[in-house]
Amino acid sequence: MIKAAFFDIDGTLLSFKTHKLAASTKQALIELRCRGVKCVIASGRPEYQLPPCIRYGFEGFGRFDAYVTSTGSCCYDAEGTYFETPIPDSDVKTIVGQVDDGLYDVLVLEKDHAYVNRYSPAIREVEKNAGLCYDQGDVHDALGAHVLQFCAFLPPKDEHIVTDATTGVLTTRWCDYFCDVVPANSSKPAGIRATLERYGISAEETIAFGDGGNDASMLRMCGIGVAMGNASPEALAAADYVTDDVDHDGVAKALEHFGLL
């Protein structure tokens, strides 16, 4: 019996074309909630970058039951934050130094705000795909701050530049433009585990939906892992089931396939 469903946002709940929830997805979420299934967000976005329909909910559904944000580094529900872990100060210092050396650009995700060190073509492209507009700031402001995540803009072959120089982080990737740099004791699965402990639910009683490489571990750990038709090779390989893409009612079709609608 499925008791909780975890959803990535970009490319899973939200279309890259419209940046909106499809009517079929809204109705599916409403019906899922009516069946008593907890509906939880599992995203690389922090709370303040969640689209209104995700952050505040929508008519007939309300808010999601819980939010696993910043790739698991900050998890909260209506009662407050129940799991949060920042990147160690020593690793923040190392990453800021690498940005100073021109090795790559970053998006800094702090507890209450985010900013990029500069606007590059890759950053502009990610803004377009995610429907966001990043502020520009001084990367040195990250020193001593409560940093939950960095997005390091470098290709997969150069990801080792970060991992070779740090000790308390891990990397995961949504797309080729950047990798998520999160605390070593964080990740979407870590946030999901904290959520399951909070509600007394086992992993076998869950279903997860995702499309990116950073969703692969989440799809593997949940009882049923569903990859969207537009998913990356990593997510497709990790999934138990592949549904249609985000623009063709993929979430609703998968829920119907598993008898959850």
C-alpha atoms as a PDB file:
ATOM      1  CA  MET A   1       0.000   0.000   0.000  1.00  0.00           C
ATOM      2  CA  ILE A   2       1.424   3.364  -1.029  1.00  0.00           C
ATOM      3  CA  LYS A   3       1.342   5.907   1.798  1.00  0.00           C
ATOM      4  CA  ALA A   4       3.616   8.653   0.445  1.00  0.00           C
ATOM      5  CA  ALA A   5       4.490   9.993  -3.011  1.00  0.00           C
ATOM      6  CA  PHE A   6       7.603  12.099  -3.696  1.00  0.00           C
ATOM      7  CA  PHE A   7       7.764  14.448  -6.669  1.00  0.00           C
ATOM      8  CA  ASP A   8      10.612  16.289  -8.336  1.00  0.00           C
ATOM      9  CA  ILE A   9       9.525  19.636  -9.795  1.00  0.00           C
ATOM     10  CA  ASP A  10      11.243  20.679 -13.027  1.00  0.00           C
ATOM     11  CA  GLY A  11      10.554  18.234 -15.830  1.00  0.00           C
ATOM     12  CA  THR A  12       8.329  16.139 -13.553  1.00  0.00           C
ATOM     13  CA  LEU A  13       5.521  18.256 -12.110  1.00  0.00           C
ATOM     14  CA  LEU A  14       6.287  21.377 -14.127  1.00  0.00           C
ATOM     15  CA  SER A  15       6.735  21.568 -17.882  1.00  0.00           C
ATOM     16  CA  PHE A  16       9.919  23.136 -19.222  1.00  0.00           C
ATOM     17  CA  LYS A  17       7.708  24.789 -21.839  1.00  0.00           C
ATOM     18  CA  THR A  18       4.991  26.331 -19.664  1.00  0.00           C
ATOM     19  CA  HIS A  19       6.531  26.173 -16.161  1.00  0.00           C
ATOM     20  CA  LYS A  20       3.039  25.273 -14.944  1.00  0.00           C
ATOM     21  CA  LEU A  21       1.205  22.303 -13.474  1.00  0.00           C
ATOM     22  CA  ALA A  22      -0.907  20.594 -16.114  1.00  0.00           C
ATOM     23  CA  ALA A  23      -4.608  20.222 -15.346  1.00  0.00           C
ATOM     24  CA  SER A  24      -4.198  16.429 -15.394  1.00  0.00           C
ATOM     25  CA  THR A  25      -1.401  16.630 -12.811  1.00  0.00           C
ATOM     26  CA  LYS A  26      -3.451  18.852 -10.511  1.00  0.00           C
ATOM     27  CA  GLN A  27      -6.398  16.475 -10.663  1.00  0.00           C
ATOM     28  CA  ALA A  28      -4.139  13.466 -10.072  1.00  0.00           C
ATOM     29  CA  LEU A  29      -2.627  15.093  -6.974  1.00  0.00           C
ATOM     30  CA  ILE A  30      -6.083  15.933  -5.621  1.00  0.00           C
ATOM     31  CA  GLU A  31      -7.251  12.331  -6.078  1.00  0.00           C
ATOM     32  CA  LEU A  32      -4.055  10.962  -4.566  1.00  0.00           C
ATOM     33  CA  ARG A  33      -4.506  13.138  -1.483  1.00  0.00           C
ATOM     34  CA  CYS A  34      -8.124  11.982  -1.192  1.00  0.00           C
ATOM     35  CA  ARG A  35      -6.827   8.401  -0.993  1.00  0.00           C
ATOM     36  CA  GLY A  36      -4.818   9.361   2.070  1.00  0.00           C
ATOM     37  CA  VAL A  37      -1.437   9.384   0.328  1.00  0.00           C
ATOM     38  CA  LYS A  38       0.980  12.043   1.568  1.00  0.00           C
ATOM     39  CA  CYS A  39       2.220  14.197  -1.320  1.00  0.00           C
ATOM     40  CA  VAL A  40       5.780  15.440  -0.824  1.00  0.00           C
ATOM     41  CA  ILE A  41       8.058  17.659  -2.914  1.00  0.00           C
ATOM     42  CA  ALA A  42      11.651  16.436  -3.430  1.00  0.00           C
ATOM     43  CA  SER A  43      13.561  19.149  -5.269  1.00  0.00           C
ATOM     44  CA  GLY A  44      16.915  20.821  -5.706  1.00  0.00           C
ATOM     45  CA  ARG A  45      15.163  24.158  -5.318  1.00  0.00           C
ATOM     46  CA  PRO A  46      15.134  25.963  -1.948  1.00  0.00           C
ATOM     47  CA  GLU A  47      11.812  27.102  -0.517  1.00  0.00           C
ATOM     48  CA  TYR A  48      12.063  30.660  -1.850  1.00  0.00           C
ATOM     49  CA  GLN A  49      12.545  29.408  -5.421  1.00  0.00           C
ATOM     50  CA  LEU A  50       9.487  27.170  -5.413  1.00  0.00           C
ATOM     51  CA  PRO A  51       6.788  28.295  -7.883  1.00  0.00           C
ATOM     52  CA  PRO A  52       3.640  29.596  -6.159  1.00  0.00           C
ATOM     53  CA  CYS A  53       1.579  26.548  -7.155  1.00  0.00           C
ATOM     54  CA  ILE A  54       4.143  24.344  -5.383  1.00  0.00           C
ATOM     55  CA  ARG A  55       5.051  26.575  -2.437  1.00  0.00           C
ATOM     56  CA  TYR A  56       1.523  27.634  -1.545  1.00  0.00           C
ATOM     57  CA  GLY A  57      -0.505  24.901  -3.221  1.00  0.00           C
ATOM     58  CA  PHE A  58      -3.556  25.244  -5.413  1.00  0.00           C
ATOM     59  CA  GLU A  59      -7.336  25.168  -5.162  1.00  0.00           C
ATOM     60  CA  GLY A  60      -8.783  21.833  -4.161  1.00  0.00           C
ATOM     61  CA  PHE A  61      -5.430  20.531  -2.938  1.00  0.00           C
ATOM     62  CA  GLY A  62      -3.793  23.071  -0.642  1.00  0.00           C
ATOM     63  CA  ARG A  63      -0.107  22.777   0.178  1.00  0.00           C
ATOM     64  CA  PHE A  64       1.987  19.658  -0.146  1.00  0.00           C
ATOM     65  CA  ASP A  65       2.313  17.616   3.035  1.00  0.00           C
ATOM     66  CA  ALA A  66       6.078  18.133   3.259  1.00  0.00           C
ATOM     67  CA  TYR A  67       8.970  19.624   1.305  1.00  0.00           C
ATOM     68  CA  VAL A  68      12.388  18.057   0.755  1.00  0.00           C
ATOM     69  CA  THR A  69      14.274  21.059  -0.638  1.00  0.00           C
ATOM     70  CA  SER A  70      17.833  22.047  -1.580  1.00  0.00           C
ATOM     71  CA  THR A  71      18.464  18.427  -2.635  1.00  0.00           C
ATOM     72  CA  GLY A  72      17.591  17.211   0.854  1.00  0.00           C
ATOM     73  CA  SER A  73      19.553  19.795   2.838  1.00  0.00           C
ATOM     74  CA  CYS A  74      16.383  21.401   4.236  1.00  0.00           C
ATOM     75  CA  CYS A  75      13.126  19.533   4.911  1.00  0.00           C
ATOM     76  CA  TYR A  76      10.008  21.017   6.458  1.00  0.00           C
ATOM     77  CA  ASP A  77       6.250  20.671   6.780  1.00  0.00           C
ATOM     78  CA  ALA A  78       3.430  22.706   8.316  1.00  0.00           C
ATOM     79  CA  GLU A  79       4.938  22.243  11.783  1.00  0.00           C
ATOM     80  CA  GLY A  80       8.391  23.503  10.821  1.00  0.00           C
ATOM     81  CA  THR A  81      11.834  22.300   9.777  1.00  0.00           C
ATOM     82  CA  TYR A  82      12.598  18.689  10.726  1.00  0.00           C
ATOM     83  CA  PHE A  83      15.926  18.173   8.924  1.00  0.00           C
ATOM     84  CA  GLU A  84      18.570  20.694   7.944  1.00  0.00           C
ATOM     85  CA  THR A  85      22.296  20.489   7.341  1.00  0.00           C
ATOM     86  CA  PRO A  86      24.666  23.103   5.856  1.00  0.00           C
ATOM     87  CA  ILE A  87      27.877  22.638   3.893  1.00  0.00           C
ATOM     88  CA  PRO A  88      30.935  22.657   6.218  1.00  0.00           C
ATOM     89  CA  ASP A  89      32.652  26.051   6.439  1.00  0.00           C
ATOM     90  CA  SER A  90      35.959  24.576   5.265  1.00  0.00           C
ATOM     91  CA  ASP A  91      34.371  23.329   2.032  1.00  0.00           C
ATOM     92  CA  VAL A  92      32.583  26.638   1.493  1.00  0.00           C
ATOM     93  CA  LYS A  93      35.966  28.344   1.732  1.00  0.00           C
ATOM     94  CA  THR A  94      37.479  25.896  -0.779  1.00  0.00           C
ATOM     95  CA  ILE A  95      34.671  26.387  -3.293  1.00  0.00           C
ATOM     96  CA  VAL A  96      34.785  30.173  -2.986  1.00  0.00           C
ATOM     97  CA  GLY A  97      38.532  29.985  -3.630  1.00  0.00           C
ATOM     98  CA  GLN A  98      37.994  27.890  -6.759  1.00  0.00           C
ATOM     99  CA  VAL A  99      35.475  30.424  -8.054  1.00  0.00           C
ATOM    100  CA  ASP A 100      38.004  33.189  -7.339  1.00  0.00           C
ATOM    101  CA  ASP A 101      40.509  31.235  -9.418  1.00  0.00           C
ATOM    102  CA  GLY A 102      38.078  31.205 -12.336  1.00  0.00           C
ATOM    103  CA  LEU A 103      37.640  27.420 -12.349  1.00  0.00           C
ATOM    104  CA  TYR A 104      33.849  27.668 -12.597  1.00  0.00           C
ATOM    105  CA  ASP A 105      30.833  29.829 -11.758  1.00  0.00           C
ATOM    106  CA  VAL A 106      28.378  29.078  -8.967  1.00  0.00           C
ATOM    107  CA  LEU A 107      24.874  29.612  -7.781  1.00  0.00           C
ATOM    108  CA  VAL A 108      24.977  29.958  -3.987  1.00  0.00           C
ATOM    109  CA  LEU A 109      21.896  28.666  -2.168  1.00  0.00           C
ATOM    110  CA  GLU A 110      21.764  29.999   1.377  1.00  0.00           C
ATOM    111  CA  LYS A 111      18.982  29.507   3.892  1.00  0.00           C
ATOM    112  CA  ASP A 112      17.034  32.599   2.883  1.00  0.00           C
ATOM    113  CA  HIS A 113      18.335  33.698  -0.520  1.00  0.00           C
ATOM    114  CA  ALA A 114      20.345  32.671  -3.586  1.00  0.00           C
ATOM    115  CA  TYR A 115      22.707  34.463  -5.950  1.00  0.00           C
ATOM    116  CA  VAL A 116      25.153  33.789  -8.775  1.00  0.00           C
ATOM    117  CA  ASN A 117      28.690  35.144  -8.853  1.00  0.00           C
ATOM    118  CA  ARG A 118      28.139  36.371 -12.437  1.00  0.00           C
ATOM    119  CA  TYR A 119      25.860  35.860 -15.428  1.00  0.00           C
ATOM    120  CA  SER A 120      27.269  33.409 -17.949  1.00  0.00           C
ATOM    121  CA  PRO A 121      25.531  31.893 -20.999  1.00  0.00           C
ATOM    122  CA  ALA A 122      25.101  28.595 -19.112  1.00  0.00           C
ATOM    123  CA  ILE A 123      23.493  30.347 -16.150  1.00  0.00           C
ATOM    124  CA  ARG A 124      21.148  32.257 -18.450  1.00  0.00           C
ATOM    125  CA  GLU A 125      20.141  28.988 -20.122  1.00  0.00           C
ATOM    126  CA  VAL A 126      19.362  27.352 -16.770  1.00  0.00           C
ATOM    127  CA  GLU A 127      17.306  30.401 -15.761  1.00  0.00           C
ATOM    128  CA  LYS A 128      15.298  29.968 -18.954  1.00  0.00           C
ATOM    129  CA  ASN A 129      14.754  26.236 -18.444  1.00  0.00           C
ATOM    130  CA  ALA A 130      13.713  26.635 -14.812  1.00  0.00           C
ATOM    131  CA  GLY A 131      11.686  29.814 -15.306  1.00  0.00           C
ATOM    132  CA  LEU A 132      13.803  31.687 -12.765  1.00  0.00           C
ATOM    133  CA  CYS A 133      15.815  34.899 -12.589  1.00  0.00           C
ATOM    134  CA  TYR A 134      18.844  34.742 -10.294  1.00  0.00           C
ATOM    135  CA  ASP A 135      20.253  37.670  -8.361  1.00  0.00           C
ATOM    136  CA  GLN A 136      23.932  38.471  -8.767  1.00  0.00           C
ATOM    137  CA  GLY A 137      26.060  38.764  -5.644  1.00  0.00           C
ATOM    138  CA  ASP A 138      29.534  38.556  -4.167  1.00  0.00           C
ATOM    139  CA  VAL A 139      30.574  34.915  -3.756  1.00  0.00           C
ATOM    140  CA  HIS A 140      32.621  35.937  -0.703  1.00  0.00           C
ATOM    141  CA  ASP A 141      29.342  36.525   1.123  1.00  0.00           C
ATOM    142  CA  ALA A 142      29.095  32.718   1.329  1.00  0.00           C
ATOM    143  CA  LEU A 143      32.039  32.656   3.760  1.00  0.00           C
ATOM    144  CA  GLY A 144      30.628  32.051   7.214  1.00  0.00           C
ATOM    145  CA  ALA A 145      27.067  31.868   5.857  1.00  0.00           C
ATOM    146  CA  HIS A 146      24.552  29.045   6.218  1.00  0.00           C
ATOM    147  CA  VAL A 147      25.047  27.530   2.732  1.00  0.00           C
ATOM    148  CA  LEU A 148      22.787  24.596   1.995  1.00  0.00           C
ATOM    149  CA  GLN A 149      23.929  23.971  -1.567  1.00  0.00           C
ATOM    150  CA  PHE A 150      26.079  25.225  -4.415  1.00  0.00           C
ATOM    151  CA  CYS A 151      25.355  24.710  -8.092  1.00  0.00           C
ATOM    152  CA  ALA A 152      28.785  24.493  -9.728  1.00  0.00           C
ATOM    153  CA  PHE A 153      28.646  25.290 -13.437  1.00  0.00           C
ATOM    154  CA  LEU A 154      31.099  22.850 -14.948  1.00  0.00           C
ATOM    155  CA  PRO A 155      30.700  19.824 -17.242  1.00  0.00           C
ATOM    156  CA  PRO A 156      30.584  16.233 -15.937  1.00  0.00           C
ATOM    157  CA  LYS A 157      34.200  15.558 -16.926  1.00  0.00           C
ATOM    158  CA  ASP A 158      35.380  18.398 -14.655  1.00  0.00           C
ATOM    159  CA  GLU A 159      33.204  17.592 -11.649  1.00  0.00           C
ATOM    160  CA  HIS A 160      36.259  16.090  -9.918  1.00  0.00           C
ATOM    161  CA  ILE A 161      37.643  19.616  -9.522  1.00  0.00           C
ATOM    162  CA  VAL A 162      35.115  20.050  -6.712  1.00  0.00           C
ATOM    163  CA  THR A 163      35.221  16.566  -5.219  1.00  0.00           C
ATOM    164  CA  ASP A 164      39.033  16.293  -5.258  1.00  0.00           C
ATOM    165  CA  ALA A 165      39.388  19.442  -3.159  1.00  0.00           C
ATOM    166  CA  THR A 166      36.585  18.965  -0.615  1.00  0.00           C
ATOM    167  CA  THR A 167      35.893  16.502   2.202  1.00  0.00           C
ATOM    168  CA  GLY A 168      32.366  17.130   3.450  1.00  0.00           C
ATOM    169  CA  VAL A 169      30.248  17.330   0.297  1.00  0.00           C
ATOM    170  CA  LEU A 170      28.902  15.133  -2.456  1.00  0.00           C
ATOM    171  CA  THR A 171      27.827  16.030  -5.969  1.00  0.00           C
ATOM    172  CA  THR A 172      24.833  15.074  -8.022  1.00  0.00           C
ATOM    173  CA  ARG A 173      23.624  16.319 -11.358  1.00  0.00           C
ATOM    174  CA  TRP A 174      20.300  17.413 -12.865  1.00  0.00           C
ATOM    175  CA  CYS A 175      21.722  18.457 -16.232  1.00  0.00           C
ATOM    176  CA  ASP A 176      25.023  18.877 -18.052  1.00  0.00           C
ATOM    177  CA  TYR A 177      25.245  22.576 -17.219  1.00  0.00           C
ATOM    178  CA  PHE A 178      25.967  22.198 -13.504  1.00  0.00           C
ATOM    179  CA  CYS A 179      26.279  19.787 -10.608  1.00  0.00           C
ATOM    180  CA  ASP A 180      24.608  20.189  -7.233  1.00  0.00           C
ATOM    181  CA  VAL A 181      27.123  20.356  -4.386  1.00  0.00           C
ATOM    182  CA  VAL A 182      25.444  19.344  -1.122  1.00  0.00           C
ATOM    183  CA  PRO A 183      26.572  18.270   2.359  1.00  0.00           C
ATOM    184  CA  ALA A 184      27.840  14.689   2.455  1.00  0.00           C
ATOM    185  CA  ASN A 185      25.077  13.727   4.902  1.00  0.00           C
ATOM    186  CA  SER A 186      22.452  15.205   2.597  1.00  0.00           C
ATOM    187  CA  SER A 187      20.777  14.150  -0.689  1.00  0.00           C
ATOM    188  CA  LYS A 188      17.231  13.579  -1.833  1.00  0.00           C
ATOM    189  CA  PRO A 189      17.279  10.068  -0.276  1.00  0.00           C
ATOM    190  CA  ALA A 190      18.541  11.521   3.026  1.00  0.00           C
ATOM    191  CA  GLY A 191      15.674  14.013   3.050  1.00  0.00           C
ATOM    192  CA  ILE A 192      13.206  11.301   2.142  1.00  0.00           C
ATOM    193  CA  ARG A 193      14.491   9.074   4.957  1.00  0.00           C
ATOM    194  CA  ALA A 194      14.010  11.928   7.430  1.00  0.00           C
ATOM    195  CA  THR A 195      10.489  12.424   6.101  1.00  0.00           C
ATOM    196  CA  LEU A 196       9.615   8.744   6.391  1.00  0.00           C
ATOM    197  CA  GLU A 197      10.910   8.642   9.953  1.00  0.00           C
ATOM    198  CA  ARG A 198       8.800  11.675  10.792  1.00  0.00           C
ATOM    199  CA  TYR A 199       5.608  10.045   9.546  1.00  0.00           C
ATOM    200  CA  GLY A 200       6.330   6.411  10.414  1.00  0.00           C
ATOM    201  CA  ILE A 201       6.283   5.221   6.794  1.00  0.00           C
ATOM    202  CA  SER A 202       8.592   2.609   5.267  1.00  0.00           C
ATOM    203  CA  ALA A 203      10.399   3.053   1.950  1.00  0.00           C
ATOM    204  CA  GLU A 204       8.423   0.111   0.551  1.00  0.00           C
ATOM    205  CA  GLU A 205       5.257   2.176   1.020  1.00  0.00           C
ATOM    206  CA  THR A 206       6.395   5.004  -1.255  1.00  0.00           C
ATOM    207  CA  ILE A 207       6.429   5.998  -4.900  1.00  0.00           C
ATOM    208  CA  ALA A 208       8.758   8.619  -6.398  1.00  0.00           C
ATOM    209  CA  PHE A 209       8.703  10.566  -9.669  1.00  0.00           C
ATOM    210  CA  GLY A 210      11.714  12.191 -11.302  1.00  0.00           C
ATOM    211  CA  ASP A 211      13.495  13.018 -14.528  1.00  0.00           C
ATOM    212  CA  GLY A 212      17.065  14.090 -13.732  1.00  0.00           C
ATOM    213  CA  GLY A 213      20.287  12.365 -12.816  1.00  0.00           C
ATOM    214  CA  ASN A 214      19.904  13.750  -9.293  1.00  0.00           C
ATOM    215  CA  ASP A 215      16.625  11.818  -9.036  1.00  0.00           C
ATOM    216  CA  ALA A 216      18.169   8.408  -9.745  1.00  0.00           C
ATOM    217  CA  SER A 217      19.049   7.576  -6.124  1.00  0.00           C
ATOM    218  CA  MET A 218      15.570   8.677  -5.019  1.00  0.00           C
ATOM    219  CA  LEU A 219      13.928   6.426  -7.595  1.00  0.00           C
ATOM    220  CA  ARG A 220      16.027   3.481  -6.424  1.00  0.00           C
ATOM    221  CA  MET A 221      15.307   3.906  -2.724  1.00  0.00           C
ATOM    222  CA  CYS A 222      11.521   4.231  -2.939  1.00  0.00           C
ATOM    223  CA  GLY A 223       9.200   1.268  -3.283  1.00  0.00           C
ATOM    224  CA  ILE A 224       8.305   2.309  -6.826  1.00  0.00           C
ATOM    225  CA  GLY A 225      10.524   4.601  -8.884  1.00  0.00           C
ATOM    226  CA  VAL A 226       8.884   6.301 -11.865  1.00  0.00           C
ATOM    227  CA  ALA A 227      10.939   8.068 -14.528  1.00  0.00           C
ATOM    228  CA  MET A 228       9.278  10.589 -16.794  1.00  0.00           C
ATOM    229  CA  GLY A 229       9.417   9.965 -20.539  1.00  0.00           C
ATOM    230  CA  ASN A 230      11.708  12.994 -20.832  1.00  0.00           C
ATOM    231  CA  ALA A 231      14.084  11.627 -18.171  1.00  0.00           C
ATOM    232  CA  SER A 232      17.867  11.421 -18.320  1.00  0.00           C
ATOM    233  CA  PRO A 233      19.576   8.059 -18.969  1.00  0.00           C
ATOM    234  CA  GLU A 234      20.513   7.834 -15.269  1.00  0.00           C
ATOM    235  CA  ALA A 235      16.906   8.274 -14.121  1.00  0.00           C
ATOM    236  CA  LEU A 236      15.601   5.866 -16.758  1.00  0.00           C
ATOM    237  CA  ALA A 237      18.081   3.196 -15.651  1.00  0.00           C
ATOM    238  CA  ALA A 238      17.116   3.625 -11.988  1.00  0.00           C
ATOM    239  CA  ALA A 239      13.344   3.470 -12.510  1.00  0.00           C
ATOM    240  CA  ASP A 240      10.944   0.579 -12.051  1.00  0.00           C
ATOM    241  CA  TYR A 241       8.576   2.136 -14.563  1.00  0.00           C
ATOM    242  CA  VAL A 242       8.821   4.752 -17.320  1.00  0.00           C
ATOM    243  CA  THR A 243       5.760   6.892 -17.926  1.00  0.00           C
ATOM    244  CA  ASP A 244       4.976   9.505 -20.578  1.00  0.00           C
ATOM    245  CA  ASP A 245       6.741  12.857 -20.557  1.00  0.00           C
ATOM    246  CA  VAL A 246       5.813  15.888 -18.496  1.00  0.00           C
ATOM    247  CA  ASP A 247       3.886  17.509 -21.362  1.00  0.00           C
ATOM    248  CA  HIS A 248       1.762  14.407 -22.014  1.00  0.00           C
ATOM    249  CA  ASP A 249       0.188  13.660 -18.623  1.00  0.00           C
ATOM    250  CA  GLY A 250       3.068  11.472 -17.408  1.00  0.00           C
ATOM    251  CA  VAL A 251       2.312  11.759 -13.685  1.00  0.00           C
ATOM    252  CA  ALA A 252      -1.388  11.019 -14.061  1.00  0.00           C
ATOM    253  CA  LYS A 253      -0.755   8.082 -16.407  1.00  0.00           C
ATOM    254  CA  ALA A 254       1.707   6.462 -13.998  1.00  0.00           C
ATOM    255  CA  LEU A 255      -0.585   6.874 -10.998  1.00  0.00           C
ATOM    256  CA  GLU A 256      -3.391   5.332 -12.991  1.00  0.00           C
ATOM    257  CA  HIS A 257      -1.112   2.467 -14.084  1.00  0.00           C
ATOM    258  CA  PHE A 258      -0.374   1.605 -10.448  1.00  0.00           C
ATOM    259  CA  GLY A 259      -4.020   1.837  -9.406  1.00  0.00           C
ATOM    260  CA  LEU A 260      -3.555   4.996  -7.361  1.00  0.00           C
ATOM    261  CA  LEU A 261      -6.252   6.970  -9.174  1.00  0.00           C
END
